[in-house]
Amino acid sequence: MSQEAQPKGSRYTVRVWRQSGKDKPGGLKEYQVDGIIDNMSFLEMLDVLNEQLVKKGEEAIAFDSDCREGICGMCSLVIDGIAHGPQGGCTTCAVRMRAFKPQNPITVEPFRAKAFPVIKDLVVDRTAFDQIIAAGGYVSVNAGAAPDANSILVGKEAADKAMDAAACIGCGACVAACPNASASLFTSAKITQLAMLPQGQPERKKRVVAMVEEMDRLGFGDCSNHGECEAVCPKEIGINHIAQMRRDYLMATLAP
């Protein structure tokens, strides 16, 4: 196929949050990006935009990405006011440009939360999540090699609940969507993941108290059951995990 016969794609108007540094002022800047086809992912569209900016001698837009397969959680963008964009149950990198109309401008912003300071443009610092996980400590059960680990029997119901919680990829969409910037869905998923398993029982009470208190210390808001976190979670983790976390925290603080 000759170059002239190849599809040229569509032109989109994109309003992107630009911020040169953590303590610098920021704002939305409008761009026109050409050559976008429906099958492109949202991040591929940003790649094309950056190529066009560099050719013009302008600075490329900074944004996070890694696997681009919906499993790492790095692609933390708010698209038209929705964390990860308009398609439910997927990350930003899995959103295709067919979900947007060329005549409608697209607004792209970073995740907003006190505990997620902007580093540059669309990149935020999510170190707070690592600190919550670190506060949970370790599992002291010695499972040994694979045959020994398999000898610790886990019921199907408990295993299913643990696996549902373990699906969390720590992307932070729950925080970005919550009007309180709460990390309760993330924290509860990490707590429930171990609370449902026999290997997680020895430190269960100490773990939930430490992780909840660390979440509060880092400046995340409290959960008020809006359910926005559940709605935007790319792995569709339910707020029932938050109820489990609260039960465990209550029992841990009431127990001698």
C-alpha atoms as a PDB file:
ATOM      1  CA  MET A   1       0.000   0.000   0.000  1.00  0.00           C
ATOM      2  CA  SER A   2       1.397   3.394  -0.976  1.00  0.00           C
ATOM      3  CA  GLN A   3       1.879   6.068   1.646  1.00  0.00           C
ATOM      4  CA  GLU A   4      -0.880   8.138   0.047  1.00  0.00           C
ATOM      5  CA  ALA A   5      -3.347   5.251   0.312  1.00  0.00           C
ATOM      6  CA  GLN A   6      -2.748   4.599   3.999  1.00  0.00           C
ATOM      7  CA  PRO A   7      -5.437   5.837   6.412  1.00  0.00           C
ATOM      8  CA  LYS A   8      -4.460   9.186   7.892  1.00  0.00           C
ATOM      9  CA  GLY A   9      -6.512   8.785  11.051  1.00  0.00           C
ATOM     10  CA  SER A  10      -8.423  11.453  12.926  1.00  0.00           C
ATOM     11  CA  ARG A  11      -7.504  14.680  14.664  1.00  0.00           C
ATOM     12  CA  TYR A  12      -8.269  14.949  18.377  1.00  0.00           C
ATOM     13  CA  THR A  13      -8.205  17.918  20.711  1.00  0.00           C
ATOM     14  CA  VAL A  14      -6.489  17.002  23.990  1.00  0.00           C
ATOM     15  CA  ARG A  15      -6.318  19.191  27.088  1.00  0.00           C
ATOM     16  CA  VAL A  16      -3.418  17.983  29.210  1.00  0.00           C
ATOM     17  CA  TRP A  17      -2.327  19.023  32.693  1.00  0.00           C
ATOM     18  CA  ARG A  18       1.203  20.427  32.479  1.00  0.00           C
ATOM     19  CA  GLN A  19       3.263  20.986  35.621  1.00  0.00           C
ATOM     20  CA  SER A  20       7.022  21.322  35.567  1.00  0.00           C
ATOM     21  CA  GLY A  21       7.637  20.163  39.125  1.00  0.00           C
ATOM     22  CA  LYS A  22       6.221  19.191  42.498  1.00  0.00           C
ATOM     23  CA  ASP A  23       6.131  22.701  43.911  1.00  0.00           C
ATOM     24  CA  LYS A  24       5.461  24.463  40.615  1.00  0.00           C
ATOM     25  CA  PRO A  25       2.104  25.839  39.438  1.00  0.00           C
ATOM     26  CA  GLY A  26       0.309  23.832  36.791  1.00  0.00           C
ATOM     27  CA  GLY A  27      -2.562  24.147  34.357  1.00  0.00           C
ATOM     28  CA  LEU A  28      -4.318  22.604  31.381  1.00  0.00           C
ATOM     29  CA  LYS A  29      -2.801  23.114  27.945  1.00  0.00           C
ATOM     30  CA  GLU A  30      -4.634  22.317  24.731  1.00  0.00           C
ATOM     31  CA  TYR A  31      -3.075  20.370  21.864  1.00  0.00           C
ATOM     32  CA  GLN A  32      -4.167  19.035  18.482  1.00  0.00           C
ATOM     33  CA  VAL A  33      -2.959  15.522  17.725  1.00  0.00           C
ATOM     34  CA  ASP A  34      -3.239  14.051  14.221  1.00  0.00           C
ATOM     35  CA  GLY A  35      -3.133  10.550  12.777  1.00  0.00           C
ATOM     36  CA  ILE A  36      -5.079   8.790  15.528  1.00  0.00           C
ATOM     37  CA  ILE A  37      -6.885   5.583  14.559  1.00  0.00           C
ATOM     38  CA  ASP A  38      -9.602   3.804  16.537  1.00  0.00           C
ATOM     39  CA  ASN A  39      -7.486   0.789  17.501  1.00  0.00           C
ATOM     40  CA  MET A  40      -4.805   2.862  19.195  1.00  0.00           C
ATOM     41  CA  SER A  41      -4.663   2.721  22.964  1.00  0.00           C
ATOM     42  CA  PHE A  42      -4.905   5.958  24.923  1.00  0.00           C
ATOM     43  CA  LEU A  43      -1.209   5.787  25.770  1.00  0.00           C
ATOM     44  CA  GLU A  44      -0.324   5.247  22.111  1.00  0.00           C
ATOM     45  CA  MET A  45      -2.234   8.436  21.369  1.00  0.00           C
ATOM     46  CA  LEU A  46      -0.093  10.250  23.958  1.00  0.00           C
ATOM     47  CA  ASP A  47       3.012   8.745  22.326  1.00  0.00           C
ATOM     48  CA  VAL A  48       1.939  10.190  18.968  1.00  0.00           C
ATOM     49  CA  LEU A  49       1.269  13.553  20.605  1.00  0.00           C
ATOM     50  CA  ASN A  50       4.713  13.535  22.212  1.00  0.00           C
ATOM     51  CA  GLU A  51       6.360  12.728  18.878  1.00  0.00           C
ATOM     52  CA  GLN A  52       4.623  15.706  17.342  1.00  0.00           C
ATOM     53  CA  LEU A  53       5.619  17.952  20.263  1.00  0.00           C
ATOM     54  CA  VAL A  54       9.284  16.903  20.044  1.00  0.00           C
ATOM     55  CA  LYS A  55       9.332  17.597  16.292  1.00  0.00           C
ATOM     56  CA  LYS A  56       8.105  21.111  17.075  1.00  0.00           C
ATOM     57  CA  GLY A  57      10.849  21.560  19.652  1.00  0.00           C
ATOM     58  CA  GLU A  58       8.450  21.412  22.621  1.00  0.00           C
ATOM     59  CA  GLU A  59       8.893  19.354  25.775  1.00  0.00           C
ATOM     60  CA  ALA A  60       7.175  15.961  25.774  1.00  0.00           C
ATOM     61  CA  ILE A  61       4.356  15.229  28.228  1.00  0.00           C
ATOM     62  CA  ALA A  62       5.505  13.134  31.194  1.00  0.00           C
ATOM     63  CA  PHE A  63       3.271  10.183  32.074  1.00  0.00           C
ATOM     64  CA  ASP A  64       3.735   6.782  33.695  1.00  0.00           C
ATOM     65  CA  SER A  65       3.486   3.446  31.902  1.00  0.00           C
ATOM     66  CA  ASP A  66       5.135   0.043  32.017  1.00  0.00           C
ATOM     67  CA  CYS A  67       3.450  -3.202  30.968  1.00  0.00           C
ATOM     68  CA  ARG A  68       0.698  -1.617  28.821  1.00  0.00           C
ATOM     69  CA  GLU A  69      -1.233  -4.828  29.364  1.00  0.00           C
ATOM     70  CA  GLY A  70      -3.428  -3.772  32.269  1.00  0.00           C
ATOM     71  CA  ILE A  71      -1.539  -5.595  35.016  1.00  0.00           C
ATOM     72  CA  CYS A  72       1.023  -3.164  36.489  1.00  0.00           C
ATOM     73  CA  GLY A  73      -1.181  -0.202  37.456  1.00  0.00           C
ATOM     74  CA  MET A  74       1.343   2.439  36.402  1.00  0.00           C
ATOM     75  CA  CYS A  75      -0.901   4.249  33.884  1.00  0.00           C
ATOM     76  CA  SER A  76      -2.586   6.507  36.418  1.00  0.00           C
ATOM     77  CA  LEU A  77      -4.587   9.099  34.479  1.00  0.00           C
ATOM     78  CA  VAL A  78      -7.890  10.831  35.011  1.00  0.00           C
ATOM     79  CA  ILE A  79      -9.612  11.087  31.629  1.00  0.00           C
ATOM     80  CA  ASP A  80     -12.612  13.381  31.325  1.00  0.00           C
ATOM     81  CA  GLY A  81     -13.003  13.281  35.102  1.00  0.00           C
ATOM     82  CA  ILE A  82     -12.907   9.476  35.421  1.00  0.00           C
ATOM     83  CA  ALA A  83      -9.943   7.561  36.818  1.00  0.00           C
ATOM     84  CA  HIS A  84      -8.565   5.345  34.001  1.00  0.00           C
ATOM     85  CA  GLY A  85     -11.180   6.676  31.592  1.00  0.00           C
ATOM     86  CA  PRO A  86     -14.706   5.833  30.435  1.00  0.00           C
ATOM     87  CA  GLN A  87     -14.318   2.075  29.984  1.00  0.00           C
ATOM     88  CA  GLY A  88     -15.064   0.127  33.153  1.00  0.00           C
ATOM     89  CA  GLY A  89     -12.919  -2.731  34.424  1.00  0.00           C
ATOM     90  CA  CYS A  90      -9.704  -1.718  32.666  1.00  0.00           C
ATOM     91  CA  THR A  91      -6.654   0.475  33.092  1.00  0.00           C
ATOM     92  CA  THR A  92      -5.779   3.532  31.009  1.00  0.00           C
ATOM     93  CA  CYS A  93      -3.449   1.540  28.751  1.00  0.00           C
ATOM     94  CA  ALA A  94      -6.336  -0.759  27.788  1.00  0.00           C
ATOM     95  CA  VAL A  95      -8.657   2.104  26.806  1.00  0.00           C
ATOM     96  CA  ARG A  96      -8.947   2.412  23.018  1.00  0.00           C
ATOM     97  CA  MET A  97      -9.446   5.609  21.082  1.00  0.00           C
ATOM     98  CA  ARG A  98     -12.697   4.240  19.669  1.00  0.00           C
ATOM     99  CA  ALA A  99     -14.213   5.189  23.040  1.00  0.00           C
ATOM    100  CA  PHE A 100     -13.830   8.879  22.121  1.00  0.00           C
ATOM    101  CA  LYS A 101     -15.212  11.070  19.366  1.00  0.00           C
ATOM    102  CA  PRO A 102     -12.797  13.346  17.482  1.00  0.00           C
ATOM    103  CA  GLN A 103     -15.161  16.300  17.785  1.00  0.00           C
ATOM    104  CA  ASN A 104     -15.183  16.123  21.595  1.00  0.00           C
ATOM    105  CA  PRO A 105     -12.117  17.487  23.432  1.00  0.00           C
ATOM    106  CA  ILE A 106     -10.456  15.065  25.873  1.00  0.00           C
ATOM    107  CA  THR A 107      -9.213  16.316  29.251  1.00  0.00           C
ATOM    108  CA  VAL A 108      -6.308  14.435  30.834  1.00  0.00           C
ATOM    109  CA  GLU A 109      -5.189  15.047  34.418  1.00  0.00           C
ATOM    110  CA  PRO A 110      -3.077  13.256  37.054  1.00  0.00           C
ATOM    111  CA  PHE A 111      -4.571  11.409  40.014  1.00  0.00           C
ATOM    112  CA  ARG A 112      -5.506  13.995  42.634  1.00  0.00           C
ATOM    113  CA  ALA A 113      -4.800  13.342  46.318  1.00  0.00           C
ATOM    114  CA  LYS A 114      -2.804  14.944  49.117  1.00  0.00           C
ATOM    115  CA  ALA A 115      -0.876  11.706  49.535  1.00  0.00           C
ATOM    116  CA  PHE A 116      -0.173  11.523  45.761  1.00  0.00           C
ATOM    117  CA  PRO A 117       1.840  14.708  45.042  1.00  0.00           C
ATOM    118  CA  VAL A 118       2.415  15.532  41.378  1.00  0.00           C
ATOM    119  CA  ILE A 119       6.028  14.985  40.312  1.00  0.00           C
ATOM    120  CA  LYS A 120       5.663  16.321  36.775  1.00  0.00           C
ATOM    121  CA  ASP A 121       2.759  16.702  34.348  1.00  0.00           C
ATOM    122  CA  LEU A 122       0.733  13.476  34.687  1.00  0.00           C
ATOM    123  CA  VAL A 123       3.195  11.626  36.952  1.00  0.00           C
ATOM    124  CA  VAL A 124       2.354  11.337  40.663  1.00  0.00           C
ATOM    125  CA  ASP A 125       4.294   9.930  43.597  1.00  0.00           C
ATOM    126  CA  ARG A 126       2.487   6.843  44.951  1.00  0.00           C
ATOM    127  CA  THR A 127       5.155   5.930  47.483  1.00  0.00           C
ATOM    128  CA  ALA A 128       2.439   6.164  50.145  1.00  0.00           C
ATOM    129  CA  PHE A 129       1.045   2.825  48.954  1.00  0.00           C
ATOM    130  CA  ASP A 130       4.431   1.186  49.474  1.00  0.00           C
ATOM    131  CA  GLN A 131       4.548   2.598  52.995  1.00  0.00           C
ATOM    132  CA  ILE A 132       1.132   1.130  53.823  1.00  0.00           C
ATOM    133  CA  ILE A 133       2.226  -2.297  52.607  1.00  0.00           C
ATOM    134  CA  ALA A 134       5.519  -2.033  54.506  1.00  0.00           C
ATOM    135  CA  ALA A 135       3.594  -1.202  57.686  1.00  0.00           C
ATOM    136  CA  GLY A 136       1.877  -4.580  57.390  1.00  0.00           C
ATOM    137  CA  GLY A 137       5.130  -6.310  58.190  1.00  0.00           C
ATOM    138  CA  TYR A 138       5.761  -9.932  57.375  1.00  0.00           C
ATOM    139  CA  VAL A 139       4.136 -13.367  57.557  1.00  0.00           C
ATOM    140  CA  SER A 140       5.942 -15.524  60.119  1.00  0.00           C
ATOM    141  CA  VAL A 141       4.571 -18.888  58.958  1.00  0.00           C
ATOM    142  CA  ASN A 142       7.391 -21.026  57.561  1.00  0.00           C
ATOM    143  CA  ALA A 143       5.812 -22.653  54.516  1.00  0.00           C
ATOM    144  CA  GLY A 144       9.069 -24.275  53.353  1.00  0.00           C
ATOM    145  CA  ALA A 145       9.279 -25.533  49.782  1.00  0.00           C
ATOM    146  CA  ALA A 146       6.298 -26.022  47.464  1.00  0.00           C
ATOM    147  CA  PRO A 147       5.240 -29.451  48.846  1.00  0.00           C
ATOM    148  CA  ASP A 148       5.285 -28.070  52.405  1.00  0.00           C
ATOM    149  CA  ALA A 149       3.280 -25.016  51.402  1.00  0.00           C
ATOM    150  CA  ASN A 150       0.690 -27.189  49.710  1.00  0.00           C
ATOM    151  CA  SER A 151       0.245 -29.141  52.941  1.00  0.00           C
ATOM    152  CA  ILE A 152      -1.344 -26.044  54.532  1.00  0.00           C
ATOM    153  CA  LEU A 153      -4.904 -26.588  53.392  1.00  0.00           C
ATOM    154  CA  VAL A 154      -6.992 -23.584  52.355  1.00  0.00           C
ATOM    155  CA  GLY A 155     -10.740 -23.888  51.853  1.00  0.00           C
ATOM    156  CA  LYS A 156     -12.157 -22.865  48.479  1.00  0.00           C
ATOM    157  CA  GLU A 157     -14.290 -20.046  49.877  1.00  0.00           C
ATOM    158  CA  ALA A 158     -11.334 -18.544  51.737  1.00  0.00           C
ATOM    159  CA  ALA A 159      -9.064 -19.017  48.720  1.00  0.00           C
ATOM    160  CA  ASP A 160     -11.563 -17.291  46.431  1.00  0.00           C
ATOM    161  CA  LYS A 161     -11.863 -14.301  48.765  1.00  0.00           C
ATOM    162  CA  ALA A 162      -8.093 -14.059  49.111  1.00  0.00           C
ATOM    163  CA  MET A 163      -7.611 -14.202  45.340  1.00  0.00           C
ATOM    164  CA  ASP A 164     -10.274 -11.545  44.765  1.00  0.00           C
ATOM    165  CA  ALA A 165      -8.402  -9.230  47.125  1.00  0.00           C
ATOM    166  CA  ALA A 166      -5.000 -10.152  45.678  1.00  0.00           C
ATOM    167  CA  ALA A 167      -6.167  -8.930  42.261  1.00  0.00           C
ATOM    168  CA  CYS A 168      -5.455  -5.353  43.417  1.00  0.00           C
ATOM    169  CA  ILE A 169      -2.628  -3.869  41.329  1.00  0.00           C
ATOM    170  CA  GLY A 170      -2.141  -0.788  43.508  1.00  0.00           C
ATOM    171  CA  CYS A 171      -2.873   1.686  40.721  1.00  0.00           C
ATOM    172  CA  GLY A 172      -4.491   4.279  43.002  1.00  0.00           C
ATOM    173  CA  ALA A 173      -7.662   4.808  40.966  1.00  0.00           C
ATOM    174  CA  CYS A 174      -9.706   4.233  44.129  1.00  0.00           C
ATOM    175  CA  VAL A 175      -7.975   7.176  45.795  1.00  0.00           C
ATOM    176  CA  ALA A 176      -8.383   9.414  42.743  1.00  0.00           C
ATOM    177  CA  ALA A 177     -12.108   8.663  42.455  1.00  0.00           C
ATOM    178  CA  CYS A 178     -12.982   8.972  46.139  1.00  0.00           C
ATOM    179  CA  PRO A 179     -14.261  12.438  47.158  1.00  0.00           C
ATOM    180  CA  ASN A 180     -12.322  11.954  50.418  1.00  0.00           C
ATOM    181  CA  ALA A 181      -9.162  10.633  48.687  1.00  0.00           C
ATOM    182  CA  SER A 182      -9.469   7.504  50.813  1.00  0.00           C
ATOM    183  CA  ALA A 183      -7.135   4.538  50.359  1.00  0.00           C
ATOM    184  CA  SER A 184      -9.553   2.202  52.131  1.00  0.00           C
ATOM    185  CA  LEU A 185     -10.182  -0.044  49.123  1.00  0.00           C
ATOM    186  CA  PHE A 186      -6.478  -0.541  48.447  1.00  0.00           C
ATOM    187  CA  THR A 187      -5.589  -1.046  52.110  1.00  0.00           C
ATOM    188  CA  SER A 188      -8.509  -3.381  52.756  1.00  0.00           C
ATOM    189  CA  ALA A 189      -7.617  -5.514  49.731  1.00  0.00           C
ATOM    190  CA  LYS A 190      -4.049  -5.940  50.972  1.00  0.00           C
ATOM    191  CA  ILE A 191      -5.302  -6.745  54.478  1.00  0.00           C
ATOM    192  CA  THR A 192      -8.003  -9.181  53.347  1.00  0.00           C
ATOM    193  CA  GLN A 193      -5.596 -10.952  51.027  1.00  0.00           C
ATOM    194  CA  LEU A 194      -3.743 -12.334  54.070  1.00  0.00           C
ATOM    195  CA  ALA A 195      -6.603 -12.305  56.568  1.00  0.00           C
ATOM    196  CA  MET A 196      -8.389 -15.037  54.602  1.00  0.00           C
ATOM    197  CA  LEU A 197      -5.401 -17.406  54.632  1.00  0.00           C
ATOM    198  CA  PRO A 198      -4.025 -19.523  57.494  1.00  0.00           C
ATOM    199  CA  GLN A 199      -0.542 -18.146  56.782  1.00  0.00           C
ATOM    200  CA  GLY A 200      -1.794 -14.665  57.617  1.00  0.00           C
ATOM    201  CA  GLN A 201      -3.310 -15.428  61.023  1.00  0.00           C
ATOM    202  CA  PRO A 202      -0.346 -15.011  63.430  1.00  0.00           C
ATOM    203  CA  GLU A 203       0.081 -11.274  62.650  1.00  0.00           C
ATOM    204  CA  ARG A 204      -3.525 -10.620  61.601  1.00  0.00           C
ATOM    205  CA  LYS A 205      -4.474  -8.233  64.433  1.00  0.00           C
ATOM    206  CA  LYS A 206      -1.175  -6.409  64.504  1.00  0.00           C
ATOM    207  CA  ARG A 207      -1.199  -6.085  60.700  1.00  0.00           C
ATOM    208  CA  VAL A 208      -4.608  -4.471  60.355  1.00  0.00           C
ATOM    209  CA  VAL A 209      -3.926  -1.930  63.103  1.00  0.00           C
ATOM    210  CA  ALA A 210      -0.526  -0.993  61.671  1.00  0.00           C
ATOM    211  CA  MET A 211      -1.768  -0.620  58.079  1.00  0.00           C
ATOM    212  CA  VAL A 212      -4.875   1.393  58.969  1.00  0.00           C
ATOM    213  CA  GLU A 213      -2.898   3.719  61.219  1.00  0.00           C
ATOM    214  CA  GLU A 214      -0.248   4.196  58.533  1.00  0.00           C
ATOM    215  CA  MET A 215      -2.960   4.990  55.983  1.00  0.00           C
ATOM    216  CA  ASP A 216      -4.324   7.681  58.300  1.00  0.00           C
ATOM    217  CA  ARG A 217      -0.862   9.063  59.061  1.00  0.00           C
ATOM    218  CA  LEU A 218      -0.089   9.522  55.371  1.00  0.00           C
ATOM    219  CA  GLY A 219      -3.041  11.863  54.903  1.00  0.00           C
ATOM    220  CA  PHE A 220      -5.574   9.688  53.111  1.00  0.00           C
ATOM    221  CA  GLY A 221      -9.216  10.484  53.869  1.00  0.00           C
ATOM    222  CA  ASP A 222     -11.762   8.239  55.536  1.00  0.00           C
ATOM    223  CA  CYS A 223     -14.252   6.056  53.661  1.00  0.00           C
ATOM    224  CA  SER A 224     -17.828   7.370  53.572  1.00  0.00           C
ATOM    225  CA  ASN A 225     -19.289   4.583  51.390  1.00  0.00           C
ATOM    226  CA  HIS A 226     -19.707   6.581  48.190  1.00  0.00           C
ATOM    227  CA  GLY A 227     -18.665   3.492  46.216  1.00  0.00           C
ATOM    228  CA  GLU A 228     -16.722   5.517  43.633  1.00  0.00           C
ATOM    229  CA  CYS A 229     -13.624   3.412  44.335  1.00  0.00           C
ATOM    230  CA  GLU A 230     -15.416   0.206  43.402  1.00  0.00           C
ATOM    231  CA  ALA A 231     -16.826   1.808  40.239  1.00  0.00           C
ATOM    232  CA  VAL A 232     -13.418   2.754  38.792  1.00  0.00           C
ATOM    233  CA  CYS A 233     -11.306  -0.153  40.053  1.00  0.00           C
ATOM    234  CA  PRO A 234      -9.788  -1.815  36.956  1.00  0.00           C
ATOM    235  CA  LYS A 235      -9.869  -5.183  38.730  1.00  0.00           C
ATOM    236  CA  GLU A 236     -13.437  -4.617  39.983  1.00  0.00           C
ATOM    237  CA  ILE A 237     -12.552  -5.145  43.642  1.00  0.00           C
ATOM    238  CA  GLY A 238     -15.626  -4.715  45.830  1.00  0.00           C
ATOM    239  CA  ILE A 239     -16.114  -2.503  48.863  1.00  0.00           C
ATOM    240  CA  ASN A 240     -16.998  -5.610  50.870  1.00  0.00           C
ATOM    241  CA  HIS A 241     -13.256  -5.748  51.581  1.00  0.00           C
ATOM    242  CA  ILE A 242     -13.544  -2.422  53.395  1.00  0.00           C
ATOM    243  CA  ALA A 243     -16.213  -3.945  55.647  1.00  0.00           C
ATOM    244  CA  GLN A 244     -13.861  -6.854  56.345  1.00  0.00           C
ATOM    245  CA  MET A 245     -11.043  -4.444  57.224  1.00  0.00           C
ATOM    246  CA  ARG A 246     -13.260  -2.510  59.616  1.00  0.00           C
ATOM    247  CA  ARG A 247     -14.404  -5.693  61.365  1.00  0.00           C
ATOM    248  CA  ASP A 248     -10.816  -6.857  61.745  1.00  0.00           C
ATOM    249  CA  TYR A 249      -9.690  -3.442  63.005  1.00  0.00           C
ATOM    250  CA  LEU A 250     -12.500  -3.308  65.567  1.00  0.00           C
ATOM    251  CA  MET A 251     -11.754  -6.783  66.853  1.00  0.00           C
ATOM    252  CA  ALA A 252      -8.014  -6.050  66.989  1.00  0.00           C
ATOM    253  CA  THR A 253      -8.455  -2.846  68.983  1.00  0.00           C
ATOM    254  CA  LEU A 254     -11.026  -4.330  71.389  1.00  0.00           C
ATOM    255  CA  ALA A 255      -9.054  -7.504  72.060  1.00  0.00           C
ATOM    256  CA  PRO A 256      -6.646  -7.499  75.007  1.00  0.00           C
END
